[in-house]
Protein backbone atom coordinates (compact mmCIF):
# COMPACT_ATOMS: atom_id res chain seq x y z
CA MET A 1 -12.66 22.94 -31.77
CA ALA A 2 -9.92 24.94 -30.06
CA SER A 3 -11.11 23.64 -26.69
CA ARG A 4 -10.85 20.04 -27.91
CA ARG A 5 -7.33 20.65 -29.19
CA ARG A 6 -6.30 22.09 -25.83
CA ARG A 7 -7.77 19.06 -24.06
CA LEU A 8 -5.93 16.73 -26.44
CA GLY A 9 -2.65 18.52 -25.77
CA SER A 10 -3.30 18.26 -22.04
CA VAL A 11 -3.95 14.51 -22.28
CA LEU A 12 -0.78 13.94 -24.32
CA ARG A 13 1.36 15.97 -21.92
CA ARG A 14 -0.10 14.16 -18.94
CA TYR A 15 0.03 10.59 -20.19
CA VAL A 16 2.85 10.46 -22.71
CA ASP A 17 5.65 12.98 -22.33
CA ALA A 18 6.51 13.44 -18.65
CA TYR A 19 5.29 10.03 -17.57
CA LEU A 20 7.16 8.22 -20.34
CA ILE A 21 10.37 10.07 -19.43
CA ALA A 22 9.92 9.15 -15.76
CA LEU A 23 9.18 5.54 -16.67
CA LEU A 24 12.29 5.24 -18.83
CA ALA A 25 14.38 6.90 -16.11
CA VAL A 26 13.19 4.37 -13.52
CA VAL A 27 13.98 1.49 -15.89
CA GLY A 28 17.47 2.97 -16.36
CA VAL A 29 18.02 3.26 -12.60
CA ALA A 30 16.88 -0.35 -12.14
CA ALA A 31 19.35 -1.48 -14.81
CA LEU A 32 22.27 0.40 -13.24
CA LEU A 33 21.36 0.12 -9.55
CA PRO A 34 19.10 -2.90 -8.99
CA ALA A 35 17.98 -3.57 -5.44
CA ARG A 36 19.82 -6.48 -3.84
CA GLY A 37 19.76 -8.17 -0.47
CA ALA A 38 18.23 -6.07 2.30
CA ALA A 39 17.42 -3.30 -0.19
CA ALA A 40 15.44 -5.78 -2.32
CA THR A 41 13.48 -6.86 0.77
CA ALA A 42 12.69 -3.23 1.61
CA VAL A 43 11.61 -2.49 -1.97
CA SER A 44 9.41 -5.60 -1.98
CA THR A 45 7.71 -4.54 1.25
CA ALA A 46 7.21 -0.99 -0.03
CA THR A 47 5.75 -2.36 -3.27
CA THR A 48 3.26 -4.52 -1.38
CA VAL A 49 2.07 -1.48 0.57
CA ALA A 50 1.96 0.64 -2.60
CA VAL A 51 -0.17 -1.93 -4.45
CA GLY A 52 -2.68 -2.05 -1.60
CA LEU A 53 -2.79 1.77 -1.51
CA LEU A 54 -3.31 1.97 -5.28
CA PHE A 55 -6.31 -0.33 -5.22
CA PHE A 56 -7.75 1.50 -2.22
CA LEU A 57 -7.52 4.75 -4.20
CA TYR A 58 -9.05 3.11 -7.30
CA GLY A 59 -11.97 1.89 -5.21
CA ALA A 60 -12.48 5.28 -3.59
CA ARG A 61 -12.37 7.14 -6.93
CA ILE A 62 -14.90 5.15 -8.96
CA LYS A 63 -18.31 6.79 -8.68
CA PRO A 64 -21.00 4.13 -9.13
CA ALA A 65 -23.84 6.66 -8.93
CA ALA A 66 -22.35 9.00 -11.53
CA ALA A 67 -21.39 6.17 -13.84
CA TRP A 68 -24.89 4.64 -13.59
CA ALA A 69 -26.22 7.32 -15.94
CA GLY A 70 -24.63 5.45 -18.82
CA ALA A 71 -25.58 1.94 -17.67
CA LYS A 72 -28.66 1.67 -19.90
CA HIS A 73 -26.50 1.18 -23.01
CA TRP A 74 -26.07 -2.50 -22.21
CA ARG A 75 -25.15 -3.52 -25.77
CA LEU A 76 -22.34 -0.97 -25.81
CA HIS A 77 -21.03 -2.17 -22.46
CA ALA A 78 -21.20 -5.78 -23.66
CA VAL A 79 -19.04 -4.87 -26.67
CA VAL A 80 -16.46 -3.18 -24.40
CA LEU A 81 -16.34 -6.07 -21.92
CA LEU A 82 -16.15 -8.72 -24.64
CA SER A 83 -13.37 -6.77 -26.36
CA THR A 84 -11.43 -6.36 -23.10
CA PHE A 85 -11.78 -9.87 -21.69
CA ALA A 86 -12.56 -12.08 -24.73
CA LEU A 87 -11.36 -10.53 -28.01
CA PHE A 88 -7.96 -9.50 -26.65
CA PRO A 89 -7.24 -12.95 -25.12
CA LEU A 90 -8.35 -14.75 -28.30
CA LEU A 91 -6.04 -12.59 -30.42
CA ALA A 92 -3.20 -13.14 -27.95
CA LEU A 93 -3.68 -16.91 -28.13
CA ALA A 94 -3.62 -16.68 -31.93
CA LEU A 95 -0.19 -15.06 -31.67
CA ALA A 96 1.12 -18.45 -30.55
CA PHE A 97 1.34 -19.22 -34.29
CA LEU A 98 3.96 -16.52 -34.85
CA PRO A 99 7.22 -17.80 -36.36
CA ALA A 100 9.35 -19.64 -33.82
CA GLY A 101 11.98 -17.42 -32.22
CA MET A 102 10.21 -14.15 -33.05
CA LEU A 103 9.34 -13.71 -29.36
CA THR A 104 10.70 -15.51 -26.33
CA PRO A 105 8.27 -17.61 -24.23
CA ALA A 106 8.45 -14.98 -21.48
CA LEU A 107 7.52 -12.16 -23.87
CA TYR A 108 4.65 -14.22 -25.27
CA ASP A 109 3.39 -14.85 -21.72
CA GLY A 110 3.59 -11.08 -21.22
CA LEU A 111 1.39 -10.62 -24.30
CA VAL A 112 -1.16 -13.03 -22.83
CA PHE A 113 -1.11 -11.17 -19.52
CA LEU A 114 -1.58 -7.86 -21.37
CA SER A 115 -4.67 -9.35 -23.03
CA VAL A 116 -6.49 -9.99 -19.72
CA VAL A 117 -5.80 -6.60 -18.08
CA PRO A 118 -8.85 -4.28 -17.73
CA SER A 119 -9.40 -1.10 -19.71
CA THR A 120 -8.09 2.28 -18.62
CA VAL A 121 -10.41 4.79 -16.94
CA GLN A 122 -8.94 8.29 -17.28
CA SER A 123 -7.59 8.15 -20.84
CA SER A 124 -10.60 6.19 -22.19
CA ILE A 125 -12.95 8.88 -20.91
CA ALA A 126 -10.65 11.73 -21.98
CA PHE A 127 -10.29 10.52 -25.59
CA THR A 128 -14.02 9.70 -25.80
CA SER A 129 -14.81 13.26 -24.74
CA ILE A 130 -12.34 14.81 -27.20
CA ALA A 131 -13.75 12.78 -30.11
CA GLY A 132 -17.38 13.63 -29.27
CA GLY A 133 -18.33 10.21 -27.91
CA ASN A 134 -20.87 9.14 -25.29
CA VAL A 135 -19.07 10.24 -22.11
CA PRO A 136 -21.59 8.90 -19.50
CA ALA A 137 -21.43 5.49 -21.18
CA ALA A 138 -17.61 5.68 -21.27
CA ILE A 139 -17.54 6.40 -17.53
CA PHE A 140 -19.67 3.35 -16.83
CA SER A 141 -17.83 1.02 -19.24
CA ALA A 142 -14.33 1.98 -18.10
CA SER A 143 -15.28 1.91 -14.42
CA PHE A 144 -17.08 -1.42 -14.67
CA SER A 145 -14.15 -2.91 -16.61
CA ASN A 146 -11.86 -2.07 -13.68
CA LEU A 147 -14.36 -3.38 -11.14
CA ALA A 148 -14.63 -6.66 -13.05
CA GLY A 149 -10.89 -6.82 -13.65
CA VAL A 150 -10.09 -7.11 -9.95
CA VAL A 151 -11.59 -10.62 -10.11
CA VAL A 152 -11.58 -11.52 -13.83
CA THR A 153 -7.93 -10.64 -14.61
CA PRO A 154 -6.37 -13.02 -12.02
CA LEU A 155 -8.77 -15.81 -13.03
CA LEU A 156 -8.07 -15.45 -16.76
CA ALA A 157 -4.33 -15.17 -16.11
CA ALA A 158 -4.42 -18.41 -14.13
CA VAL A 159 -6.38 -20.21 -16.87
CA LEU A 160 -4.38 -18.94 -19.86
CA LEU A 161 -0.89 -18.89 -18.38
CA GLY A 162 -1.07 -22.14 -16.44
CA GLY A 163 2.18 -22.71 -14.57
CA ALA A 164 3.25 -19.06 -14.87
CA VAL A 165 0.61 -18.19 -12.26
CA ALA A 166 0.85 -20.24 -9.09
CA VAL A 167 -2.75 -20.89 -7.96
CA SER A 168 -3.08 -22.00 -4.36
CA ALA A 169 -4.96 -21.04 -1.24
CA GLY A 170 -2.03 -18.79 -0.33
CA SER A 171 -1.91 -17.04 -3.72
CA ILE A 172 -5.69 -16.52 -3.72
CA GLY A 173 -5.45 -15.07 -0.24
CA LYS A 174 -2.67 -12.75 -1.42
CA ILE A 175 -4.81 -11.52 -4.32
CA VAL A 176 -7.76 -10.91 -2.00
CA ALA A 177 -5.61 -9.15 0.61
CA GLN A 178 -3.67 -6.92 -1.81
CA LEU A 179 -6.30 -6.19 -4.47
CA VAL A 180 -9.88 -7.03 -3.54
CA LEU A 181 -10.00 -5.92 0.11
CA PRO A 182 -8.33 -2.51 -0.44
CA PHE A 183 -10.57 -1.91 -3.45
CA ALA A 184 -13.68 -2.85 -1.45
CA ALA A 185 -12.53 -0.66 1.45
CA GLY A 186 -12.13 2.30 -0.92
CA GLN A 187 -15.65 1.77 -2.28
CA ALA A 188 -17.09 1.46 1.23
CA LEU A 189 -15.37 4.63 2.48
CA ARG A 190 -16.10 6.70 -0.61
CA PRO A 191 -19.17 8.45 0.90
CA TRP A 192 -16.93 9.88 3.63
CA ILE A 193 -13.63 10.46 1.81
CA GLY A 194 -14.80 11.05 -1.78
CA GLY A 195 -15.08 14.83 -1.38
CA TRP A 196 -11.71 15.07 0.35
CA MET A 197 -10.12 13.08 -2.49
CA GLU A 198 -11.74 15.25 -5.16
CA ARG A 199 -10.26 18.36 -3.55
CA ARG A 200 -6.81 16.77 -3.53
CA LYS A 201 -7.00 15.07 -6.91
CA ARG A 202 -3.73 16.55 -8.14
CA ILE A 203 -1.70 15.50 -5.09
CA LEU A 204 -3.21 12.00 -5.09
CA GLY A 205 -2.41 11.75 -8.81
CA TYR A 206 1.27 12.22 -8.00
CA ALA A 207 1.01 9.55 -5.29
CA ASP A 208 -0.64 7.28 -7.85
CA ARG A 209 2.10 7.66 -10.41
CA GLY A 210 4.83 7.49 -7.78
CA ALA A 211 3.51 4.14 -6.55
CA ILE A 212 3.43 2.79 -10.11
CA LEU A 213 7.01 3.93 -10.69
CA LEU A 214 8.01 2.05 -7.54
CA VAL A 215 6.31 -1.07 -8.90
CA ILE A 216 8.21 -0.65 -12.19
CA TYR A 217 11.53 -0.27 -10.37
CA ALA A 218 10.89 -3.39 -8.29
CA ALA A 219 9.87 -5.44 -11.35
CA PHE A 220 12.79 -4.41 -13.55
CA SER A 221 15.28 -4.55 -10.69
CA ALA A 222 14.34 -8.16 -9.93
CA GLY A 223 14.66 -8.98 -13.63
CA VAL A 224 18.16 -7.49 -13.78
CA VAL A 225 19.30 -9.44 -10.70
CA ALA A 226 17.88 -12.68 -12.17
CA GLY A 227 19.56 -12.00 -15.54
CA VAL A 228 16.35 -12.29 -17.58
CA TRP A 229 17.05 -9.21 -19.69
CA HIS A 230 19.67 -11.05 -21.69
CA GLU A 231 16.70 -12.69 -23.45
CA VAL A 232 15.61 -9.41 -25.06
CA SER A 233 17.65 -8.48 -28.12
CA PRO A 234 17.00 -5.26 -30.10
CA GLY A 235 15.50 -7.37 -32.88
CA ARG A 236 13.04 -9.04 -30.54
CA LEU A 237 12.13 -5.68 -29.02
CA LEU A 238 11.31 -4.30 -32.49
CA ALA A 239 9.36 -7.45 -33.27
CA LEU A 240 7.37 -6.99 -30.06
CA VAL A 241 6.54 -3.37 -30.93
CA GLY A 242 5.35 -4.52 -34.36
CA VAL A 243 3.18 -7.28 -32.89
CA LEU A 244 1.65 -4.89 -30.36
CA SER A 245 0.89 -2.34 -33.09
CA VAL A 246 -0.88 -4.98 -35.17
CA LEU A 247 -2.81 -6.17 -32.10
CA LEU A 248 -4.02 -2.63 -31.40
CA ALA A 249 -4.97 -2.07 -35.06
CA LEU A 250 -7.03 -5.27 -35.09
CA VAL A 251 -8.91 -4.37 -31.91
CA LEU A 252 -9.58 -0.81 -33.09
CA GLY A 253 -10.93 -2.10 -36.38
CA LEU A 254 -13.03 -4.88 -34.87
CA THR A 255 -14.62 -2.68 -32.18
CA TYR A 256 -15.50 -0.05 -34.78
CA TRP A 257 -16.93 -2.74 -37.07
CA ALA A 258 -18.95 -4.21 -34.17
CA GLY A 259 -20.44 -0.79 -33.46
CA ARG A 260 -21.52 -0.38 -37.07
CA LEU A 261 -22.89 -3.93 -37.23
CA LEU A 262 -25.00 -3.34 -34.11
CA GLY A 263 -26.32 -0.04 -35.46
CA PHE A 264 -24.66 2.21 -32.86
CA ASP A 265 -24.79 5.93 -33.52
CA ARG A 266 -21.51 7.81 -33.89
CA PRO A 267 -21.03 8.74 -30.17
CA ASP A 268 -21.54 5.12 -29.13
CA ARG A 269 -19.15 3.84 -31.81
CA VAL A 270 -16.51 6.27 -30.56
CA THR A 271 -17.02 5.03 -26.99
CA ALA A 272 -16.78 1.37 -28.03
CA VAL A 273 -13.50 2.00 -29.84
CA PHE A 274 -11.77 4.01 -27.11
CA CYS A 275 -12.97 1.95 -24.13
CA GLY A 276 -12.66 -1.44 -25.83
CA SER A 277 -9.13 -0.98 -27.17
CA LYS A 278 -7.32 0.19 -24.03
CA LYS A 279 -5.30 -1.71 -21.47
CA SER A 280 -4.50 -0.18 -18.09
CA MET A 281 -0.85 -0.09 -17.06
CA ALA A 282 -1.87 1.51 -13.77
CA THR A 283 -3.98 -1.54 -12.89
CA GLY A 284 -1.99 -4.23 -14.70
CA LEU A 285 1.44 -3.54 -13.20
CA PRO A 286 0.36 -3.87 -9.54
CA MET A 287 -1.60 -7.02 -10.43
CA ALA A 288 1.50 -8.53 -12.05
CA THR A 289 3.50 -8.11 -8.84
CA VAL A 290 0.87 -10.16 -7.02
CA LEU A 291 0.44 -12.85 -9.68
CA PHE A 292 4.03 -13.57 -10.75
CA THR A 293 7.38 -14.24 -9.13
CA PRO A 294 9.67 -11.21 -8.66
CA ALA A 295 12.24 -12.57 -11.13
CA SER A 296 9.69 -12.97 -13.92
CA VAL A 297 7.66 -9.77 -13.48
CA GLY A 298 9.99 -7.52 -15.49
CA LEU A 299 9.58 -9.35 -18.80
CA MET A 300 5.92 -10.14 -18.10
CA VAL A 301 5.00 -6.45 -17.91
CA LEU A 302 7.20 -5.23 -20.79
CA PRO A 303 4.48 -5.82 -23.45
CA LEU A 304 1.93 -3.97 -21.30
CA MET A 305 4.25 -0.99 -20.81
CA LEU A 306 4.96 -0.72 -24.54
CA PHE A 307 1.32 -1.24 -25.51
CA HIS A 308 0.27 1.50 -23.08
CA GLN A 309 2.40 4.08 -24.85
CA ILE A 310 1.44 2.89 -28.35
CA GLN A 311 -2.28 3.03 -27.56
CA LEU A 312 -2.04 6.57 -26.18
CA VAL A 313 -0.28 7.94 -29.26
CA VAL A 314 -2.55 6.14 -31.74
CA CYS A 315 -5.75 7.03 -29.88
CA ALA A 316 -4.63 10.66 -29.58
CA VAL A 317 -4.34 10.81 -33.38
CA LEU A 318 -7.76 9.15 -33.78
CA ALA A 319 -9.38 11.46 -31.23
CA ARG A 320 -8.07 14.54 -33.03
CA ARG A 321 -9.21 13.25 -36.41
CA TRP A 322 -12.70 12.38 -35.15
CA ALA A 323 -12.96 15.71 -33.35
CA SER A 324 -12.56 17.52 -36.67
CA PRO A 325 -15.80 18.54 -38.42
């Protein structure tokens, strides 16, 4: 019990406190000192390189052989995938019936984009472990969600968002070049660099988070220069937080209910809830920079950034409660 509490505290410190402070600081810098002119060009180039590096690292980190131990629970994995790429989008589309003016069109598009982003890997597995869930199955589900998301997320975004995602031979080539090829290269080179990366996990983790902070700065900076942040009033921001909280509550409840309906034992139900209710900011933000125009990215990723923090706090509370005897 004490060990689980220590692990929970470690997860919270790692994913909420320091990272949230850094994230807010970067948003503040972007608001006060947005990149313009030549600086904006340099930031855009650096972001392109960072996105490619991130997906290379993601590909090199996922261990297909280790995750395969949990692959036999196909019904559990089906629940997680359907929750991630079907339930979330359906609920997001239903939010179109919210009262007019509650959210701007850009914020609603951001909600739709949030709904097609893959699940997290690290926090899904960490919370599953703390709550006594099926960890091998969580490894497989979360890893496979990210593998599928490299292809599924851009396709679903193009279908659901229509004109917000420009689909052309050039845009498809950009997605392949920045996301798919680096990811595939990481997977291919894993047998040779996997051990080296494991030994330097801490340093690479800082590189990971640093690249994501750069993506956040570029997105919010472009939004400030384009003047899109005038669309977000405090009232709309509170409304967005409320909508995201309800969305998370619905998914948590429906994934738990699905596990009970399908006769899952307790560890599998825990895994379905924690893997099926998450959305990955680490994967979603770089994807957004590839899929959307620089001026629109800031508002498009705001729902994802808020949801990421809400899900971590709520799931931390759930994990602690389920870890109790």
